[in-house]
Amino acid sequence: MEKIVRDVGEIQSRLLDHRPVLQGELRYFVKEFEEKRGLREMRVLNNLQNMTVETNELILPKCLKIMQENLYEAWTTLVATNHMIQRIHQRGQKTQQARATPTGS
């Protein structure tokens, strides 16, 4: 009789206690999730590293070159504009002086 009670208890435990099965399934799910997440994060990090390398080696030098060329062009334009403004100012001063001084009559 004792064996029957023990067998019935074991059968009842297997039928109604799902914790061991659920724990196994949960462990498997967590393991799969962490592995996939780890792979996804590695891909993201690799993509970021590639973008950083590309930026440092290709884009940054190109931008620097363009900036220097445009800066020099802007500077030469400003110098030329400054000279033109100075000449216009000098002409204006000469015109004002000519008007201010009476002509010999």
N, C-alpha and C. Protein backbone atom coordinates (compact mmCIF):
# COMPACT_ATOMS: atom_id res chain seq x y z
N MET A 1 0.82 -1.19 0.00
CA MET A 1 0.00 0.00 0.00
C MET A 1 0.86 1.25 0.00
N GLU A 2 1.94 1.17 0.69
CA GLU A 2 2.84 2.32 0.76
C GLU A 2 3.39 2.67 -0.61
N LYS A 3 3.69 1.62 -1.40
CA LYS A 3 4.20 1.87 -2.76
C LYS A 3 3.14 2.54 -3.61
N ILE A 4 1.91 2.16 -3.44
CA ILE A 4 0.82 2.74 -4.22
C ILE A 4 0.65 4.21 -3.85
N VAL A 5 0.71 4.53 -2.59
CA VAL A 5 0.57 5.93 -2.14
C VAL A 5 1.73 6.75 -2.70
N ARG A 6 2.92 6.17 -2.67
CA ARG A 6 4.09 6.88 -3.18
C ARG A 6 3.97 7.07 -4.69
N ASP A 7 3.54 6.04 -5.41
CA ASP A 7 3.36 6.14 -6.85
C ASP A 7 2.27 7.16 -7.21
N VAL A 8 1.17 7.14 -6.46
CA VAL A 8 0.09 8.11 -6.70
C VAL A 8 0.61 9.52 -6.43
N GLY A 9 1.38 9.70 -5.37
CA GLY A 9 1.96 11.01 -5.05
C GLY A 9 2.90 11.48 -6.15
N GLU A 10 3.68 10.54 -6.68
CA GLU A 10 4.61 10.88 -7.76
C GLU A 10 3.86 11.23 -9.03
N ILE A 11 2.83 10.48 -9.33
CA ILE A 11 2.01 10.76 -10.52
C ILE A 11 1.33 12.11 -10.38
N GLN A 12 0.76 12.36 -9.19
CA GLN A 12 0.12 13.64 -8.93
C GLN A 12 1.13 14.78 -9.07
N SER A 13 2.31 14.59 -8.56
CA SER A 13 3.35 15.60 -8.63
C SER A 13 3.72 15.90 -10.08
N ARG A 14 3.85 14.86 -10.88
CA ARG A 14 4.21 15.05 -12.29
C ARG A 14 3.08 15.72 -13.07
N LEU A 15 1.85 15.35 -12.74
CA LEU A 15 0.72 15.92 -13.47
C LEU A 15 0.42 17.36 -13.06
N LEU A 16 0.55 17.68 -11.81
CA LEU A 16 0.12 18.99 -11.32
C LEU A 16 1.27 19.97 -11.06
N ASP A 17 2.46 19.50 -10.90
CA ASP A 17 3.59 20.39 -10.60
C ASP A 17 4.39 20.61 -11.88
N HIS A 18 4.20 21.75 -12.49
CA HIS A 18 4.84 22.05 -13.76
C HIS A 18 6.12 22.88 -13.58
N ARG A 19 6.49 23.14 -12.36
CA ARG A 19 7.66 23.99 -12.12
C ARG A 19 8.93 23.47 -12.79
N PRO A 20 9.30 22.20 -12.67
CA PRO A 20 10.54 21.76 -13.32
C PRO A 20 10.52 21.97 -14.84
N VAL A 21 9.39 21.68 -15.45
CA VAL A 21 9.28 21.86 -16.90
C VAL A 21 9.36 23.34 -17.25
N LEU A 22 8.61 24.14 -16.50
CA LEU A 22 8.63 25.58 -16.76
C LEU A 22 10.01 26.18 -16.52
N GLN A 23 10.68 25.74 -15.49
CA GLN A 23 12.02 26.26 -15.22
C GLN A 23 12.97 25.92 -16.36
N GLY A 24 12.86 24.69 -16.88
CA GLY A 24 13.69 24.30 -18.02
C GLY A 24 13.39 25.15 -19.24
N GLU A 25 12.12 25.37 -19.51
CA GLU A 25 11.71 26.18 -20.66
C GLU A 25 12.17 27.64 -20.48
N LEU A 26 12.02 28.15 -19.27
CA LEU A 26 12.46 29.52 -19.01
C LEU A 26 13.97 29.67 -19.17
N ARG A 27 14.73 28.71 -18.67
CA ARG A 27 16.19 28.76 -18.85
C ARG A 27 16.55 28.77 -20.34
N TYR A 28 15.87 27.91 -21.10
CA TYR A 28 16.13 27.84 -22.55
C TYR A 28 15.78 29.18 -23.22
N PHE A 29 14.63 29.75 -22.86
CA PHE A 29 14.20 31.02 -23.44
C PHE A 29 15.20 32.13 -23.11
N VAL A 30 15.60 32.21 -21.85
CA VAL A 30 16.55 33.26 -21.43
C VAL A 30 17.87 33.09 -22.15
N LYS A 31 18.34 31.86 -22.26
CA LYS A 31 19.61 31.59 -22.95
C LYS A 31 19.52 32.04 -24.40
N GLU A 32 18.45 31.65 -25.10
CA GLU A 32 18.27 32.05 -26.50
C GLU A 32 18.16 33.57 -26.63
N PHE A 33 17.41 34.18 -25.74
CA PHE A 33 17.22 35.63 -25.78
C PHE A 33 18.55 36.35 -25.59
N GLU A 34 19.33 35.93 -24.61
CA GLU A 34 20.62 36.57 -24.35
C GLU A 34 21.58 36.38 -25.51
N GLU A 35 21.58 35.20 -26.11
CA GLU A 35 22.48 34.96 -27.25
C GLU A 35 22.09 35.84 -28.43
N LYS A 36 20.81 35.89 -28.76
CA LYS A 36 20.36 36.71 -29.89
C LYS A 36 20.60 38.18 -29.61
N ARG A 37 20.33 38.59 -28.39
CA ARG A 37 20.54 39.99 -28.02
C ARG A 37 22.01 40.33 -28.10
N GLY A 38 22.85 39.43 -27.62
CA GLY A 38 24.29 39.66 -27.68
C GLY A 38 24.78 39.79 -29.11
N LEU A 39 24.26 38.94 -30.00
CA LEU A 39 24.64 39.02 -31.41
C LEU A 39 24.18 40.34 -32.02
N ARG A 40 22.96 40.74 -31.69
CA ARG A 40 22.42 41.99 -32.23
C ARG A 40 23.25 43.18 -31.74
N GLU A 41 23.60 43.17 -30.47
CA GLU A 41 24.41 44.26 -29.92
C GLU A 41 25.80 44.27 -30.53
N MET A 42 26.35 43.09 -30.80
CA MET A 42 27.66 43.03 -31.46
C MET A 42 27.58 43.62 -32.86
N ARG A 43 26.50 43.31 -33.57
CA ARG A 43 26.33 43.87 -34.92
C ARG A 43 26.22 45.39 -34.86
N VAL A 44 25.47 45.90 -33.89
CA VAL A 44 25.31 47.35 -33.74
C VAL A 44 26.67 47.98 -33.44
N LEU A 45 27.43 47.38 -32.53
CA LEU A 45 28.76 47.91 -32.20
C LEU A 45 29.70 47.86 -33.39
N ASN A 46 29.66 46.79 -34.16
CA ASN A 46 30.50 46.70 -35.36
C ASN A 46 30.11 47.76 -36.38
N ASN A 47 28.81 47.98 -36.56
CA ASN A 47 28.36 49.03 -37.47
C ASN A 47 28.84 50.40 -37.03
N LEU A 48 28.74 50.67 -35.73
CA LEU A 48 29.21 51.94 -35.19
C LEU A 48 30.72 52.11 -35.39
N GLN A 49 31.46 51.04 -35.19
CA GLN A 49 32.91 51.11 -35.39
C GLN A 49 33.22 51.38 -36.85
N ASN A 50 32.53 50.72 -37.77
CA ASN A 50 32.75 50.95 -39.20
C ASN A 50 32.43 52.39 -39.58
N MET A 51 31.33 52.91 -39.04
CA MET A 51 30.97 54.29 -39.33
C MET A 51 32.02 55.26 -38.79
N THR A 52 32.54 54.99 -37.61
CA THR A 52 33.56 55.85 -37.01
C THR A 52 34.84 55.82 -37.83
N VAL A 53 35.25 54.64 -38.25
CA VAL A 53 36.46 54.52 -39.07
C VAL A 53 36.26 55.25 -40.40
N GLU A 54 35.11 55.06 -41.02
CA GLU A 54 34.83 55.73 -42.29
C GLU A 54 34.84 57.24 -42.12
N THR A 55 34.26 57.71 -41.04
CA THR A 55 34.23 59.15 -40.78
C THR A 55 35.63 59.69 -40.59
N ASN A 56 36.42 59.01 -39.79
CA ASN A 56 37.78 59.48 -39.50
C ASN A 56 38.69 59.43 -40.72
N GLU A 57 38.57 58.38 -41.51
CA GLU A 57 39.51 58.18 -42.61
C GLU A 57 39.07 58.82 -43.91
N LEU A 58 37.78 58.92 -44.17
CA LEU A 58 37.31 59.42 -45.46
C LEU A 58 36.60 60.77 -45.37
N ILE A 59 35.58 60.83 -44.56
CA ILE A 59 34.72 62.01 -44.54
C ILE A 59 35.41 63.21 -43.92
N LEU A 60 36.07 63.01 -42.78
CA LEU A 60 36.70 64.13 -42.08
C LEU A 60 37.79 64.79 -42.93
N PRO A 61 38.72 64.04 -43.55
CA PRO A 61 39.72 64.70 -44.40
C PRO A 61 39.09 65.44 -45.59
N LYS A 62 38.05 64.86 -46.16
CA LYS A 62 37.38 65.50 -47.29
C LYS A 62 36.73 66.82 -46.84
N CYS A 63 36.06 66.79 -45.71
CA CYS A 63 35.43 68.00 -45.18
C CYS A 63 36.48 69.06 -44.85
N LEU A 64 37.59 68.63 -44.28
CA LEU A 64 38.67 69.56 -43.95
C LEU A 64 39.21 70.24 -45.20
N LYS A 65 39.43 69.46 -46.24
CA LYS A 65 39.94 70.01 -47.50
C LYS A 65 38.96 71.02 -48.09
N ILE A 66 37.69 70.66 -48.13
CA ILE A 66 36.68 71.57 -48.67
C ILE A 66 36.60 72.84 -47.85
N MET A 67 36.65 72.70 -46.52
CA MET A 67 36.61 73.87 -45.65
C MET A 67 37.79 74.79 -45.90
N GLN A 68 38.99 74.22 -46.02
CA GLN A 68 40.17 75.04 -46.25
C GLN A 68 40.08 75.75 -47.60
N GLU A 69 39.62 75.05 -48.63
CA GLU A 69 39.49 75.68 -49.95
C GLU A 69 38.47 76.81 -49.90
N ASN A 70 37.34 76.57 -49.29
CA ASN A 70 36.30 77.60 -49.22
C ASN A 70 36.71 78.75 -48.32
N LEU A 71 37.43 78.46 -47.26
CA LEU A 71 37.89 79.51 -46.37
C LEU A 71 38.87 80.42 -47.09
N TYR A 72 39.78 79.83 -47.86
CA TYR A 72 40.75 80.65 -48.61
C TYR A 72 40.01 81.49 -49.65
N GLU A 73 39.05 80.89 -50.32
CA GLU A 73 38.27 81.63 -51.32
C GLU A 73 37.51 82.78 -50.66
N ALA A 74 36.90 82.53 -49.52
CA ALA A 74 36.17 83.58 -48.81
C ALA A 74 37.13 84.68 -48.36
N TRP A 75 38.31 84.30 -47.89
CA TRP A 75 39.29 85.29 -47.44
C TRP A 75 39.74 86.18 -48.60
N THR A 76 40.04 85.59 -49.75
CA THR A 76 40.46 86.40 -50.91
C THR A 76 39.33 87.31 -51.35
N THR A 77 38.10 86.85 -51.32
CA THR A 77 36.96 87.70 -51.67
C THR A 77 36.83 88.86 -50.70
N LEU A 78 37.01 88.58 -49.41
CA LEU A 78 36.94 89.65 -48.41
C LEU A 78 38.05 90.68 -48.59
N VAL A 79 39.25 90.22 -48.91
CA VAL A 79 40.37 91.14 -49.13
C VAL A 79 40.07 92.04 -50.33
N ALA A 80 39.60 91.45 -51.42
CA ALA A 80 39.27 92.23 -52.61
C ALA A 80 38.15 93.21 -52.31
N THR A 81 37.13 92.78 -51.59
CA THR A 81 36.03 93.66 -51.22
C THR A 81 36.51 94.80 -50.34
N ASN A 82 37.40 94.51 -49.42
CA ASN A 82 37.96 95.54 -48.54
C ASN A 82 38.71 96.60 -49.34
N HIS A 83 39.51 96.19 -50.31
CA HIS A 83 40.24 97.15 -51.15
C HIS A 83 39.27 98.02 -51.95
N MET A 84 38.22 97.41 -52.48
CA MET A 84 37.25 98.19 -53.24
C MET A 84 36.56 99.21 -52.35
N ILE A 85 36.19 98.81 -51.14
CA ILE A 85 35.53 99.73 -50.21
C ILE A 85 36.47 100.87 -49.84
N GLN A 86 37.75 100.58 -49.62
CA GLN A 86 38.72 101.63 -49.31
C GLN A 86 38.83 102.63 -50.45
N ARG A 87 38.88 102.16 -51.70
CA ARG A 87 38.97 103.07 -52.85
C ARG A 87 37.71 103.93 -52.96
N ILE A 88 36.54 103.31 -52.74
CA ILE A 88 35.29 104.08 -52.79
C ILE A 88 35.29 105.14 -51.70
N HIS A 89 35.75 104.79 -50.55
CA HIS A 89 35.81 105.73 -49.42
C HIS A 89 36.77 106.88 -49.75
N GLN A 90 37.94 106.56 -50.31
CA GLN A 90 38.90 107.60 -50.67
C GLN A 90 38.31 108.54 -51.73
N ARG A 91 37.62 107.99 -52.71
CA ARG A 91 37.00 108.84 -53.73
C ARG A 91 35.95 109.76 -53.10
N GLY A 92 35.18 109.19 -52.17
CA GLY A 92 34.17 110.00 -51.49
C GLY A 92 34.81 111.13 -50.70
N GLN A 93 35.92 110.84 -50.02
CA GLN A 93 36.60 111.89 -49.27
C GLN A 93 37.14 112.97 -50.19
N LYS A 94 37.71 112.56 -51.33
CA LYS A 94 38.23 113.54 -52.29
C LYS A 94 37.11 114.40 -52.84
N THR A 95 35.97 113.80 -53.10
CA THR A 95 34.82 114.56 -53.61
C THR A 95 34.35 115.56 -52.57
N GLN A 96 34.29 115.15 -51.30
CA GLN A 96 33.86 116.06 -50.23
C GLN A 96 34.86 117.20 -50.07
N GLN A 97 36.17 116.89 -50.16
CA GLN A 97 37.18 117.93 -50.04
C GLN A 97 37.08 118.91 -51.21
N ALA A 98 36.84 118.39 -52.37
CA ALA A 98 36.73 119.25 -53.55
C ALA A 98 35.53 120.17 -53.42
N ARG A 99 34.46 119.71 -52.88
CA ARG A 99 33.26 120.55 -52.68
C ARG A 99 33.49 121.56 -51.56
N ALA A 100 34.23 121.14 -50.55
CA ALA A 100 34.44 122.03 -49.39
C ALA A 100 35.42 123.15 -49.73
N THR A 101 36.39 122.91 -50.54
CA THR A 101 37.34 123.98 -50.86
C THR A 101 36.80 124.82 -51.99
N PRO A 102 36.83 126.13 -51.77
CA PRO A 102 36.31 127.00 -52.83
C PRO A 102 37.27 127.02 -54.01
N THR A 103 36.71 127.03 -55.15
CA THR A 103 37.53 127.10 -56.36
C THR A 103 37.98 128.52 -56.57
N GLY A 104 39.13 128.67 -57.10
CA GLY A 104 39.69 130.02 -57.28
C GLY A 104 38.89 130.85 -58.23
N SER A 105 38.25 131.95 -57.76
CA SER A 105 37.53 132.86 -58.64
C SER A 105 38.11 134.21 -58.62
